[in-house]
């Protein structure tokens, strides 16, 4: 059976796997973004963290978190899924947790970089207008840092699209199911078609996310700082 014929006869199941893959990445990126944004804002030296936290403590905590999250990104995906399986079982739970762990570092790194890049003179001007720390963060720092933060979220998404395939090793959802099945049957009938459909499916999911991020960045970036 040719590849086109295989896709035609299995179109509904491939779309289903693609939807699962898209949603698994979406939920994981959303969770990683929430964690990274909260940590980045809280630990940023000019943020809304409690006044009792000294600058060295906040800076040290931020660098430690960056180091830990970057180290987590180097853990082989098969190993991490395997380590999570005894505690979380199989299926979506270990898949979601593992992908969230992998997604934190790119978003956190760009959040820290974006917030740090805001000109101190702009913050001083906002302070002179009577804005407190919380309002300076919400109305000045985050909007100015947003393009950099979105770039981090985009990078995290593209990374997770590939790693999400490995979720099939713990019976997770997504395009890893046909891909892993095809690899296990390599040489058998339609095994190559299964691998190719899973691979091309990931490219389609990535293209959809790329279009979405282009639209999101255009719609959410303040007009004055668009490039």
N, C-alpha and C. Protein backbone atom coordinates (compact mmCIF):
# COMPACT_ATOMS: atom_id res chain seq x y z
N UNK A 1 0.85 -1.19 0.00
CA UNK A 1 0.00 0.00 0.00
C UNK A 1 0.89 1.25 0.00
N UNK A 2 0.61 2.17 -0.92
CA UNK A 2 1.37 3.41 -0.98
C UNK A 2 1.04 4.33 0.19
N UNK A 3 1.89 5.35 0.37
CA UNK A 3 1.69 6.24 1.51
C UNK A 3 0.39 7.04 1.38
N UNK A 4 0.10 7.54 0.19
CA UNK A 4 -1.13 8.31 -0.02
C UNK A 4 -2.36 7.46 0.27
N UNK A 5 -2.34 6.23 -0.19
CA UNK A 5 -3.46 5.31 0.06
C UNK A 5 -3.59 5.00 1.55
N UNK A 6 -2.43 4.83 2.21
CA UNK A 6 -2.44 4.56 3.66
C UNK A 6 -3.06 5.74 4.42
N UNK A 7 -2.66 6.95 4.07
CA UNK A 7 -3.20 8.14 4.74
C UNK A 7 -4.70 8.25 4.49
N UNK A 8 -5.14 7.98 3.27
CA UNK A 8 -6.57 8.07 2.95
C UNK A 8 -7.39 7.07 3.76
N UNK A 9 -6.89 5.86 3.89
CA UNK A 9 -7.64 4.83 4.60
C UNK A 9 -7.56 4.97 6.11
N UNK A 10 -6.58 5.72 6.61
CA UNK A 10 -6.42 5.89 8.06
C UNK A 10 -6.51 7.36 8.47
N UNK A 11 -7.17 8.16 7.64
CA UNK A 11 -7.18 9.60 7.86
C UNK A 11 -7.79 9.99 9.21
N UNK A 12 -8.91 9.39 9.55
CA UNK A 12 -9.60 9.77 10.80
C UNK A 12 -8.74 9.46 12.02
N UNK A 13 -8.08 8.30 12.02
CA UNK A 13 -7.25 7.94 13.18
C UNK A 13 -6.01 8.84 13.25
N UNK A 14 -5.44 9.20 12.11
CA UNK A 14 -4.28 10.09 12.10
C UNK A 14 -4.65 11.48 12.60
N UNK A 15 -5.83 11.96 12.20
CA UNK A 15 -6.30 13.26 12.70
C UNK A 15 -6.52 13.20 14.21
N UNK A 16 -7.05 12.08 14.68
CA UNK A 16 -7.27 11.91 16.12
C UNK A 16 -5.94 11.96 16.88
N UNK A 17 -4.94 11.24 16.38
CA UNK A 17 -3.62 11.27 17.02
C UNK A 17 -3.03 12.68 16.96
N UNK A 18 -3.24 13.37 15.83
CA UNK A 18 -2.74 14.73 15.71
C UNK A 18 -3.39 15.67 16.71
N UNK A 19 -4.70 15.52 16.92
CA UNK A 19 -5.40 16.34 17.90
C UNK A 19 -4.88 16.06 19.31
N UNK A 20 -4.67 14.79 19.61
CA UNK A 20 -4.12 14.43 20.92
C UNK A 20 -2.75 15.07 21.12
N UNK A 21 -1.92 15.00 20.09
CA UNK A 21 -0.57 15.55 20.16
C UNK A 21 -0.63 17.05 20.40
N UNK A 22 -1.48 17.72 19.64
CA UNK A 22 -1.63 19.17 19.75
C UNK A 22 -2.06 19.56 21.17
N UNK A 23 -3.06 18.87 21.70
CA UNK A 23 -3.57 19.22 23.03
C UNK A 23 -2.59 18.87 24.13
N UNK A 24 -1.87 17.75 24.00
CA UNK A 24 -0.87 17.38 25.01
C UNK A 24 0.21 18.46 25.10
N UNK A 25 0.67 18.92 23.95
CA UNK A 25 1.68 19.99 23.93
C UNK A 25 1.09 21.29 24.47
N UNK A 26 -0.15 21.59 24.11
CA UNK A 26 -0.79 22.82 24.58
C UNK A 26 -0.90 22.86 26.10
N UNK A 27 -1.39 21.77 26.69
CA UNK A 27 -1.54 21.73 28.14
C UNK A 27 -0.18 21.80 28.84
N UNK A 28 0.80 21.12 28.28
CA UNK A 28 2.14 21.11 28.88
C UNK A 28 2.78 22.49 28.82
N UNK A 29 2.67 23.14 27.66
CA UNK A 29 3.24 24.48 27.51
C UNK A 29 2.52 25.46 28.42
N UNK A 30 1.21 25.33 28.54
CA UNK A 30 0.45 26.23 29.42
C UNK A 30 0.91 26.08 30.87
N UNK A 31 1.09 24.84 31.32
CA UNK A 31 1.55 24.61 32.69
C UNK A 31 2.97 25.12 32.89
N UNK A 32 3.85 24.84 31.94
CA UNK A 32 5.23 25.29 32.05
C UNK A 32 5.31 26.82 32.03
N UNK A 33 4.49 27.45 31.20
CA UNK A 33 4.49 28.91 31.12
C UNK A 33 4.01 29.53 32.43
N UNK A 34 2.96 28.96 33.03
CA UNK A 34 2.46 29.48 34.30
C UNK A 34 3.52 29.38 35.39
N UNK A 35 4.21 28.24 35.45
CA UNK A 35 5.27 28.05 36.45
C UNK A 35 6.43 29.01 36.21
N UNK A 36 6.87 29.10 34.94
CA UNK A 36 8.03 29.93 34.63
C UNK A 36 7.74 31.42 34.81
N UNK A 37 6.56 31.87 34.39
CA UNK A 37 6.22 33.28 34.56
C UNK A 37 6.12 33.66 36.03
N UNK A 38 5.45 32.80 36.81
CA UNK A 38 5.33 33.09 38.24
C UNK A 38 6.69 33.15 38.91
N UNK A 39 7.55 32.17 38.59
CA UNK A 39 8.88 32.14 39.19
C UNK A 39 9.73 33.30 38.71
N UNK A 40 9.67 33.61 37.40
CA UNK A 40 10.47 34.69 36.86
C UNK A 40 10.09 36.04 37.44
N UNK A 41 8.80 36.30 37.57
CA UNK A 41 8.34 37.57 38.13
C UNK A 41 8.69 37.66 39.62
N UNK A 42 8.44 36.57 40.34
CA UNK A 42 8.67 36.58 41.78
C UNK A 42 10.14 36.76 42.13
N UNK A 43 11.01 36.14 41.32
CA UNK A 43 12.43 36.16 41.64
C UNK A 43 13.21 37.26 40.93
N UNK A 44 12.53 38.03 40.10
CA UNK A 44 13.22 39.11 39.41
C UNK A 44 13.57 40.22 40.41
N UNK A 45 14.74 40.77 40.29
CA UNK A 45 15.21 41.73 41.30
C UNK A 45 14.42 43.03 41.32
N UNK A 46 13.67 43.32 40.28
CA UNK A 46 12.87 44.54 40.27
C UNK A 46 11.38 44.22 40.26
N UNK A 47 11.01 43.09 40.80
CA UNK A 47 9.64 42.61 40.68
C UNK A 47 8.83 42.89 41.93
N UNK A 48 7.82 42.07 42.13
CA UNK A 48 6.87 42.27 43.22
C UNK A 48 7.13 41.32 44.37
N UNK A 49 8.32 40.75 44.47
CA UNK A 49 8.64 39.86 45.57
C UNK A 49 8.70 40.65 46.88
N UNK A 50 8.52 40.00 48.01
CA UNK A 50 8.47 40.70 49.30
C UNK A 50 9.72 41.53 49.56
N UNK A 51 9.56 42.71 50.16
CA UNK A 51 10.72 43.57 50.43
C UNK A 51 11.75 42.91 51.33
N UNK A 52 11.32 41.94 52.15
CA UNK A 52 12.25 41.28 53.06
C UNK A 52 13.25 40.40 52.32
N UNK A 53 12.95 40.09 51.03
CA UNK A 53 13.88 39.29 50.25
C UNK A 53 14.98 40.22 49.73
N UNK A 54 16.19 39.94 50.14
CA UNK A 54 17.29 40.77 49.68
C UNK A 54 17.59 40.48 48.21
N UNK A 55 18.24 41.45 47.56
CA UNK A 55 18.58 41.29 46.14
C UNK A 55 19.45 40.05 45.89
N UNK A 56 20.49 39.78 46.72
CA UNK A 56 21.29 38.57 46.49
C UNK A 56 20.48 37.29 46.62
N UNK A 57 19.52 37.26 47.56
CA UNK A 57 18.70 36.05 47.74
C UNK A 57 17.85 35.81 46.50
N UNK A 58 17.23 36.89 46.00
CA UNK A 58 16.38 36.74 44.81
C UNK A 58 17.21 36.36 43.59
N UNK A 59 18.34 37.02 43.41
CA UNK A 59 19.20 36.71 42.26
C UNK A 59 19.75 35.30 42.36
N UNK A 60 20.18 34.89 43.56
CA UNK A 60 20.69 33.54 43.75
C UNK A 60 19.63 32.49 43.52
N UNK A 61 18.41 32.77 44.00
CA UNK A 61 17.31 31.82 43.80
C UNK A 61 16.96 31.71 42.32
N UNK A 62 17.00 32.84 41.61
CA UNK A 62 16.70 32.83 40.18
C UNK A 62 17.73 32.01 39.41
N UNK A 63 19.00 32.23 39.71
CA UNK A 63 20.05 31.49 39.01
C UNK A 63 20.00 30.00 39.34
N UNK A 64 19.66 29.68 40.60
CA UNK A 64 19.54 28.27 40.99
C UNK A 64 18.41 27.60 40.23
N UNK A 65 17.28 28.30 40.12
CA UNK A 65 16.14 27.74 39.39
C UNK A 65 16.46 27.56 37.92
N UNK A 66 17.17 28.52 37.34
CA UNK A 66 17.59 28.38 35.94
C UNK A 66 18.52 27.18 35.76
N UNK A 67 19.43 26.98 36.71
CA UNK A 67 20.37 25.87 36.63
C UNK A 67 19.63 24.53 36.74
N UNK A 68 18.69 24.45 37.70
CA UNK A 68 17.95 23.20 37.90
C UNK A 68 17.08 22.89 36.68
N UNK A 69 16.38 23.90 36.17
CA UNK A 69 15.50 23.67 35.02
C UNK A 69 16.29 23.33 33.76
N UNK A 70 17.48 23.93 33.60
CA UNK A 70 18.30 23.60 32.44
C UNK A 70 18.86 22.18 32.57
N UNK A 71 19.19 21.78 33.80
CA UNK A 71 19.67 20.41 34.02
C UNK A 71 18.56 19.41 33.72
N UNK A 72 17.33 19.75 34.09
CA UNK A 72 16.19 18.85 33.82
C UNK A 72 16.00 18.66 32.32
N UNK A 73 16.32 19.70 31.54
CA UNK A 73 16.15 19.61 30.09
C UNK A 73 17.14 18.63 29.46
N UNK A 74 18.22 18.32 30.15
CA UNK A 74 19.22 17.39 29.61
C UNK A 74 18.93 15.93 29.95
N UNK A 75 17.93 15.67 30.79
CA UNK A 75 17.59 14.28 31.13
C UNK A 75 17.03 13.59 29.88
N UNK A 76 17.55 12.44 29.50
CA UNK A 76 16.98 11.73 28.34
C UNK A 76 15.49 11.48 28.53
N UNK A 77 14.72 11.73 27.49
CA UNK A 77 13.27 11.66 27.61
C UNK A 77 12.77 10.27 28.00
N UNK A 78 13.37 9.24 27.42
CA UNK A 78 12.95 7.88 27.79
C UNK A 78 13.20 7.61 29.27
N UNK A 79 14.31 8.12 29.79
CA UNK A 79 14.62 7.92 31.20
C UNK A 79 13.62 8.64 32.09
N UNK A 80 13.26 9.89 31.73
CA UNK A 80 12.33 10.65 32.56
C UNK A 80 10.95 10.02 32.56
N UNK A 81 10.48 9.61 31.40
CA UNK A 81 9.18 8.94 31.33
C UNK A 81 9.20 7.65 32.16
N UNK A 82 10.30 6.93 32.09
CA UNK A 82 10.42 5.70 32.86
C UNK A 82 10.45 5.96 34.36
N UNK A 83 11.12 7.04 34.77
CA UNK A 83 11.19 7.37 36.19
C UNK A 83 9.84 7.81 36.75
N UNK A 84 9.04 8.45 35.91
CA UNK A 84 7.73 8.93 36.37
C UNK A 84 6.67 7.84 36.38
N UNK A 85 6.88 6.78 35.61
CA UNK A 85 5.86 5.75 35.47
C UNK A 85 5.48 5.07 36.79
N UNK A 86 6.44 4.70 37.67
CA UNK A 86 6.02 4.04 38.92
C UNK A 86 5.12 4.91 39.79
N UNK A 87 5.36 6.22 39.79
CA UNK A 87 4.58 7.12 40.64
C UNK A 87 3.28 7.56 39.99
N UNK A 88 3.28 7.74 38.68
CA UNK A 88 2.11 8.31 38.00
C UNK A 88 1.38 7.34 37.09
N UNK A 89 1.93 6.13 36.95
CA UNK A 89 1.28 5.15 36.09
C UNK A 89 1.58 5.41 34.63
N UNK A 90 0.66 5.04 33.77
CA UNK A 90 0.84 5.24 32.34
C UNK A 90 -0.27 6.13 31.80
N UNK A 91 -0.06 6.62 30.60
CA UNK A 91 -1.07 7.47 29.99
C UNK A 91 -0.72 8.94 30.04
N UNK A 92 -1.73 9.76 30.25
CA UNK A 92 -1.55 11.21 30.12
C UNK A 92 -0.80 11.82 31.31
N UNK A 93 -0.95 11.27 32.52
CA UNK A 93 -0.34 11.89 33.71
C UNK A 93 1.19 11.99 33.60
N UNK A 94 1.92 10.89 33.39
CA UNK A 94 3.37 11.03 33.25
C UNK A 94 3.78 11.83 32.02
N UNK A 95 2.97 11.74 30.97
CA UNK A 95 3.27 12.51 29.75
C UNK A 95 3.20 14.00 30.02
N UNK A 96 2.14 14.43 30.69
CA UNK A 96 1.95 15.84 30.98
C UNK A 96 3.03 16.38 31.93
N UNK A 97 3.33 15.62 32.97
CA UNK A 97 4.33 16.06 33.95
C UNK A 97 5.71 16.15 33.30
N UNK A 98 6.09 15.14 32.53
CA UNK A 98 7.41 15.14 31.89
C UNK A 98 7.56 16.31 30.93
N UNK A 99 6.55 16.53 30.11
CA UNK A 99 6.64 17.62 29.13
C UNK A 99 6.65 18.98 29.82
N UNK A 100 5.92 19.11 30.91
CA UNK A 100 5.94 20.37 31.66
C UNK A 100 7.34 20.64 32.20
N UNK A 101 7.98 19.61 32.73
CA UNK A 101 9.35 19.76 33.24
C UNK A 101 10.28 20.23 32.13
N UNK A 102 10.15 19.64 30.95
CA UNK A 102 11.01 20.03 29.83
C UNK A 102 10.71 21.44 29.33
N UNK A 103 9.47 21.90 29.52
CA UNK A 103 9.08 23.20 28.97
C UNK A 103 9.42 24.39 29.83
N UNK A 104 9.77 24.17 31.10
CA UNK A 104 9.97 25.30 32.01
C UNK A 104 11.19 26.14 31.63
N UNK A 105 12.31 25.51 31.33
CA UNK A 105 13.56 26.27 31.14
C UNK A 105 13.50 27.30 30.02
N UNK A 106 13.05 26.95 28.80
CA UNK A 106 13.06 27.97 27.74
C UNK A 106 12.21 29.19 28.10
N UNK A 107 11.05 28.96 28.73
CA UNK A 107 10.18 30.08 29.09
C UNK A 107 10.80 30.89 30.22
N UNK A 108 11.35 30.21 31.23
CA UNK A 108 11.95 30.91 32.36
C UNK A 108 13.16 31.73 31.92
N UNK A 109 13.99 31.16 31.09
CA UNK A 109 15.18 31.88 30.61
C UNK A 109 14.79 33.15 29.88
N UNK A 110 13.79 33.07 29.01
CA UNK A 110 13.37 34.25 28.26
C UNK A 110 12.61 35.24 29.12
N UNK A 111 11.90 34.74 30.13
CA UNK A 111 11.22 35.65 31.05
C UNK A 111 12.24 36.49 31.81
N UNK A 112 13.27 35.82 32.33
CA UNK A 112 14.33 36.53 33.05
C UNK A 112 15.05 37.51 32.12
N UNK A 113 15.36 37.06 30.91
CA UNK A 113 16.06 37.93 29.96
C UNK A 113 15.20 39.12 29.57
N UNK A 114 13.92 38.88 29.33
CA UNK A 114 13.02 39.96 28.93
C UNK A 114 12.84 41.00 30.02
N UNK A 115 12.62 40.54 31.25
CA UNK A 115 12.44 41.47 32.37
C UNK A 115 13.72 42.24 32.65
N UNK A 116 14.87 41.58 32.50
CA UNK A 116 16.14 42.24 32.77
C UNK A 116 16.50 43.26 31.70
N UNK A 117 15.91 43.12 30.51
CA UNK A 117 16.27 44.02 29.40
C UNK A 117 15.52 45.35 29.44
N UNK A 118 14.54 45.45 30.33
CA UNK A 118 13.77 46.70 30.41
C UNK A 118 14.68 47.82 30.93
N UNK A 119 14.68 48.92 30.25
CA UNK A 119 15.54 50.05 30.60
C UNK A 119 15.18 50.58 32.00
N UNK A 120 16.16 50.66 32.91
CA UNK A 120 15.88 51.19 34.26
C UNK A 120 15.29 52.59 34.24
N UNK A 121 15.64 53.37 33.22
CA UNK A 121 15.09 54.73 33.12
C UNK A 121 13.58 54.71 32.93
N UNK A 122 13.11 53.71 32.19
CA UNK A 122 11.67 53.57 31.99
C UNK A 122 10.98 53.25 33.31
N UNK A 123 11.60 52.38 34.11
CA UNK A 123 11.04 52.03 35.41
C UNK A 123 11.05 53.22 36.35
N UNK A 124 12.10 54.01 36.28
CA UNK A 124 12.17 55.21 37.12
C UNK A 124 11.08 56.21 36.73
N UNK A 125 10.83 56.31 35.42
CA UNK A 125 9.76 57.20 34.96
C UNK A 125 8.41 56.71 35.46
N UNK A 126 8.21 55.39 35.43
CA UNK A 126 6.96 54.82 35.93
C UNK A 126 6.83 55.04 37.42
N UNK A 127 7.94 54.92 38.14
CA UNK A 127 7.93 55.18 39.58
C UNK A 127 7.57 56.65 39.85
N UNK A 128 8.12 57.55 39.03
CA UNK A 128 7.83 58.97 39.19
C UNK A 128 6.37 59.29 38.93
N UNK A 129 5.71 58.46 38.14
CA UNK A 129 4.28 58.67 37.86
C UNK A 129 3.40 58.08 38.96
N UNK A 130 4.05 57.49 39.98
CA UNK A 130 3.28 56.98 41.11
C UNK A 130 2.92 55.51 41.02
N UNK A 131 3.48 54.80 40.07
CA UNK A 131 3.18 53.37 39.96
C UNK A 131 4.00 52.59 40.98
N UNK A 132 3.34 51.73 41.73
CA UNK A 132 4.02 50.87 42.68
C UNK A 132 4.67 49.69 41.99
N UNK A 133 5.37 48.83 42.74
CA UNK A 133 6.07 47.68 42.13
C UNK A 133 5.15 46.77 41.32
N UNK A 134 3.97 46.47 41.86
CA UNK A 134 3.07 45.55 41.16
C UNK A 134 2.59 46.16 39.84
N UNK A 135 2.18 47.43 39.88
CA UNK A 135 1.71 48.07 38.66
C UNK A 135 2.84 48.28 37.66
N UNK A 136 4.04 48.56 38.13
CA UNK A 136 5.18 48.68 37.21
C UNK A 136 5.41 47.36 36.48
N UNK A 137 5.28 46.26 37.22
CA UNK A 137 5.47 44.95 36.59
C UNK A 137 4.38 44.68 35.56
N UNK A 138 3.12 44.95 35.92
CA UNK A 138 1.99 44.62 35.05
C UNK A 138 1.90 45.56 33.85
N UNK A 139 2.13 46.83 34.07
CA UNK A 139 1.86 47.82 33.03
C UNK A 139 3.11 48.24 32.24
N UNK A 140 4.29 47.96 32.78
CA UNK A 140 5.52 48.39 32.10
C UNK A 140 6.43 47.22 31.75
N UNK A 141 6.90 46.50 32.77
CA UNK A 141 7.91 45.47 32.54
C UNK A 141 7.38 44.30 31.70
N UNK A 142 6.25 43.73 32.08
CA UNK A 142 5.75 42.58 31.33
C UNK A 142 5.40 42.93 29.87
N UNK A 143 4.70 44.05 29.61
CA UNK A 143 4.45 44.38 28.20
C UNK A 143 5.72 44.56 27.38
N UNK A 144 6.74 45.22 27.97
CA UNK A 144 7.99 45.42 27.23
C UNK A 144 8.77 44.11 27.05
N UNK A 145 8.65 43.21 28.02
CA UNK A 145 9.36 41.93 27.94
C UNK A 145 8.58 40.89 27.16
N UNK A 146 7.32 41.18 26.85
CA UNK A 146 6.44 40.16 26.26
C UNK A 146 6.97 39.54 24.97
N UNK A 147 7.49 40.30 24.00
CA UNK A 147 8.00 39.65 22.78
C UNK A 147 9.08 38.61 23.07
N UNK A 148 9.96 38.89 24.02
CA UNK A 148 11.00 37.92 24.38
C UNK A 148 10.39 36.70 25.06
N UNK A 149 9.40 36.93 25.91
CA UNK A 149 8.74 35.83 26.60
C UNK A 149 8.02 34.93 25.60
N UNK A 150 7.32 35.54 24.65
CA UNK A 150 6.61 34.75 23.63
C UNK A 150 7.59 33.90 22.83
N UNK A 151 8.77 34.45 22.54
CA UNK A 151 9.79 33.67 21.82
C UNK A 151 10.20 32.44 22.63
N UNK A 152 10.31 32.59 23.95
CA UNK A 152 10.63 31.45 24.80
C UNK A 152 9.53 30.41 24.79
N UNK A 153 8.27 30.86 24.83
CA UNK A 153 7.14 29.93 24.78
C UNK A 153 7.13 29.19 23.45
N UNK A 154 7.44 29.90 22.38
CA UNK A 154 7.48 29.27 21.05
C UNK A 154 8.57 28.20 20.99
N UNK A 155 9.76 28.53 21.51
CA UNK A 155 10.85 27.54 21.52
C UNK A 155 10.46 26.32 22.34
N UNK A 156 9.85 26.56 23.50
CA UNK A 156 9.42 25.44 24.35
C UNK A 156 8.40 24.57 23.62
N UNK A 157 7.50 25.19 22.89
CA UNK A 157 6.48 24.44 22.15
C UNK A 157 7.11 23.55 21.09
N UNK A 158 8.05 24.09 20.33
CA UNK A 158 8.69 23.30 19.29
C UNK A 158 9.49 22.15 19.87
N UNK A 159 10.14 22.38 21.01
CA UNK A 159 10.88 21.31 21.68
C UNK A 159 9.92 20.20 22.12
N UNK A 160 8.79 20.61 22.70
CA UNK A 160 7.86 19.61 23.25
C UNK A 160 7.13 18.83 22.16
N UNK A 161 6.96 19.42 20.99
CA UNK A 161 6.32 18.67 19.89
C UNK A 161 7.13 17.42 19.58
N UNK A 162 8.46 17.55 19.58
CA UNK A 162 9.30 16.39 19.32
C UNK A 162 9.35 15.43 20.48
N UNK A 163 9.48 15.95 21.70
CA UNK A 163 9.60 15.08 22.87
C UNK A 163 8.28 14.35 23.14
N UNK A 164 7.16 14.98 22.79
CA UNK A 164 5.85 14.36 23.05
C UNK A 164 5.69 13.02 22.35
N UNK A 165 6.45 12.81 21.29
CA UNK A 165 6.40 11.52 20.59
C UNK A 165 6.78 10.38 21.54
N UNK A 166 7.76 10.66 22.43
CA UNK A 166 8.27 9.62 23.34
C UNK A 166 7.23 9.24 24.39
N UNK A 167 6.18 10.06 24.54
CA UNK A 167 5.12 9.72 25.49
C UNK A 167 4.47 8.39 25.16
N UNK A 168 4.58 7.96 23.92
CA UNK A 168 4.02 6.66 23.54
C UNK A 168 4.69 5.52 24.30
N UNK A 169 5.89 5.75 24.82
CA UNK A 169 6.60 4.70 25.57
C UNK A 169 5.89 4.38 26.88
N UNK A 170 5.04 5.31 27.37
CA UNK A 170 4.25 5.06 28.58
C UNK A 170 2.76 5.12 28.24
N UNK A 171 2.44 4.73 27.01
CA UNK A 171 1.06 4.71 26.51
C UNK A 171 0.42 6.09 26.53
N UNK A 172 1.24 7.13 26.34
CA UNK A 172 0.71 8.48 26.29
C UNK A 172 0.05 8.75 24.95
N UNK A 173 -0.75 9.82 24.90
CA UNK A 173 -1.47 10.15 23.67
C UNK A 173 -0.56 10.82 22.65
N UNK A 174 -1.03 10.87 21.41
CA UNK A 174 -0.31 11.62 20.40
C UNK A 174 0.21 10.80 19.24
N UNK A 175 0.97 11.47 18.40
CA UNK A 175 1.49 10.87 17.17
C UNK A 175 2.60 9.87 17.43
N UNK A 176 3.06 9.75 18.65
CA UNK A 176 4.03 8.72 18.98
C UNK A 176 3.46 7.32 18.85
N UNK A 177 2.14 7.21 18.96
CA UNK A 177 1.51 5.88 18.87
C UNK A 177 1.75 5.22 17.52
N UNK A 178 1.37 5.85 16.38
CA UNK A 178 1.67 5.20 15.10
C UNK A 178 3.17 5.12 14.82
N UNK A 179 3.94 6.12 15.27
CA UNK A 179 5.37 6.12 15.00
C UNK A 179 6.07 4.98 15.72
N UNK A 180 5.78 4.80 17.00
CA UNK A 180 6.40 3.72 17.77
C UNK A 180 5.93 2.36 17.26
N UNK A 181 4.65 2.27 16.89
CA UNK A 181 4.13 1.00 16.36
C UNK A 181 4.84 0.63 15.06
N UNK A 182 5.05 1.63 14.21
CA UNK A 182 5.75 1.38 12.96
C UNK A 182 7.20 0.98 13.18
N UNK A 183 7.87 1.63 14.14
CA UNK A 183 9.27 1.28 14.43
C UNK A 183 9.37 -0.14 14.99
N UNK A 184 8.39 -0.53 15.81
CA UNK A 184 8.41 -1.88 16.39
C UNK A 184 8.16 -2.94 15.32
N UNK A 185 7.48 -2.56 14.23
CA UNK A 185 7.14 -3.52 13.17
C UNK A 185 7.96 -3.28 11.91
N UNK A 186 9.06 -2.53 12.02
CA UNK A 186 9.80 -2.10 10.84
C UNK A 186 10.13 -3.29 9.94
N UNK A 187 9.76 -3.17 8.68
CA UNK A 187 9.92 -4.25 7.72
C UNK A 187 8.63 -4.94 7.40
N UNK A 188 7.64 -4.79 8.28
CA UNK A 188 6.33 -5.40 8.04
C UNK A 188 5.49 -4.48 7.16
N UNK A 189 4.31 -4.97 6.79
CA UNK A 189 3.42 -4.21 5.91
C UNK A 189 2.99 -2.91 6.60
N UNK A 190 3.11 -1.80 5.88
CA UNK A 190 2.70 -0.47 6.32
C UNK A 190 3.51 0.09 7.49
N UNK A 191 4.56 -0.59 7.93
CA UNK A 191 5.34 -0.08 9.06
C UNK A 191 6.00 1.26 8.69
N UNK A 192 6.55 1.34 7.49
CA UNK A 192 7.18 2.58 7.06
C UNK A 192 6.15 3.70 6.95
N UNK A 193 4.96 3.36 6.45
CA UNK A 193 3.90 4.36 6.35
C UNK A 193 3.51 4.90 7.72
N UNK A 194 3.49 4.03 8.73
CA UNK A 194 3.16 4.47 10.08
C UNK A 194 4.22 5.44 10.62
N UNK A 195 5.48 5.10 10.40
CA UNK A 195 6.56 5.98 10.86
C UNK A 195 6.50 7.31 10.13
N UNK A 196 6.31 7.28 8.83
CA UNK A 196 6.28 8.50 8.03
C UNK A 196 5.07 9.37 8.39
N UNK A 197 3.92 8.75 8.61
CA UNK A 197 2.73 9.52 8.96
C UNK A 197 2.89 10.19 10.32
N UNK A 198 3.50 9.48 11.27
CA UNK A 198 3.75 10.09 12.58
C UNK A 198 4.71 11.25 12.49
N UNK A 199 5.76 11.09 11.68
CA UNK A 199 6.76 12.14 11.52
C UNK A 199 6.17 13.37 10.84
N UNK A 200 5.48 13.16 9.73
CA UNK A 200 4.88 14.28 9.01
C UNK A 200 3.76 14.93 9.84
N UNK A 201 3.09 14.13 10.65
CA UNK A 201 2.06 14.67 11.52
C UNK A 201 2.64 15.69 12.50
N UNK A 202 3.82 15.39 13.03
CA UNK A 202 4.49 16.33 13.94
C UNK A 202 4.83 17.63 13.22
N UNK A 203 5.23 17.53 11.95
CA UNK A 203 5.53 18.74 11.19
C UNK A 203 4.28 19.58 10.97
N UNK A 204 3.15 18.92 10.75
CA UNK A 204 1.89 19.64 10.58
C UNK A 204 1.50 20.36 11.87
N UNK A 205 1.63 19.66 13.00
CA UNK A 205 1.32 20.26 14.30
C UNK A 205 2.24 21.46 14.55
N UNK A 206 3.52 21.32 14.23
CA UNK A 206 4.47 22.42 14.40
C UNK A 206 4.08 23.61 13.52
N UNK A 207 3.65 23.35 12.30
CA UNK A 207 3.25 24.43 11.39
C UNK A 207 2.04 25.18 11.94
N UNK A 208 1.09 24.44 12.50
CA UNK A 208 -0.10 25.08 13.09
C UNK A 208 0.29 25.98 14.24
N UNK A 209 1.19 25.49 15.09
CA UNK A 209 1.65 26.30 16.23
C UNK A 209 2.42 27.53 15.74
N UNK A 210 3.22 27.39 14.71
CA UNK A 210 3.98 28.52 14.19
C UNK A 210 3.03 29.62 13.70
N UNK A 211 1.99 29.23 13.00
CA UNK A 211 0.99 30.21 12.53
C UNK A 211 0.31 30.87 13.72
N UNK A 212 -0.04 30.06 14.73
CA UNK A 212 -0.71 30.59 15.92
C UNK A 212 0.19 31.58 16.66
N UNK A 213 1.47 31.27 16.79
CA UNK A 213 2.38 32.17 17.50
C UNK A 213 2.61 33.46 16.73
N UNK A 214 2.64 33.37 15.42
CA UNK A 214 2.78 34.59 14.63
C UNK A 214 1.60 35.52 14.88
N UNK A 215 0.39 34.94 14.88
CA UNK A 215 -0.81 35.74 15.13
C UNK A 215 -0.84 36.29 16.55
N UNK A 216 -0.49 35.43 17.52
CA UNK A 216 -0.50 35.87 18.93
C UNK A 216 0.49 37.01 19.15
N UNK A 217 1.68 36.89 18.58
CA UNK A 217 2.69 37.93 18.79
C UNK A 217 2.26 39.25 18.16
N UNK A 218 1.63 39.17 16.99
CA UNK A 218 1.16 40.39 16.34
C UNK A 218 0.04 41.05 17.13
N UNK A 219 -0.84 40.24 17.71
CA UNK A 219 -2.02 40.77 18.39
C UNK A 219 -1.73 41.24 19.81
N UNK A 220 -0.73 40.66 20.45
CA UNK A 220 -0.49 40.96 21.86
C UNK A 220 0.71 41.86 22.11
N UNK A 221 1.55 42.08 21.11
CA UNK A 221 2.71 42.97 21.30
C UNK A 221 2.26 44.41 21.12
N UNK A 222 2.59 45.28 22.09
CA UNK A 222 2.26 46.71 21.94
C UNK A 222 2.81 47.26 20.64
N UNK A 223 1.99 48.07 19.97
CA UNK A 223 2.36 48.58 18.64
C UNK A 223 3.69 49.32 18.64
N UNK A 224 3.99 50.03 19.71
CA UNK A 224 5.19 50.84 19.77
C UNK A 224 6.48 50.06 19.79
N UNK A 225 6.43 48.75 20.15
CA UNK A 225 7.67 47.97 20.21
C UNK A 225 7.71 46.84 19.21
N UNK A 226 6.76 46.86 18.25
CA UNK A 226 6.80 45.84 17.21
C UNK A 226 7.98 46.08 16.30
N UNK A 227 8.53 44.94 15.79
CA UNK A 227 9.65 45.06 14.85
C UNK A 227 9.26 44.42 13.54
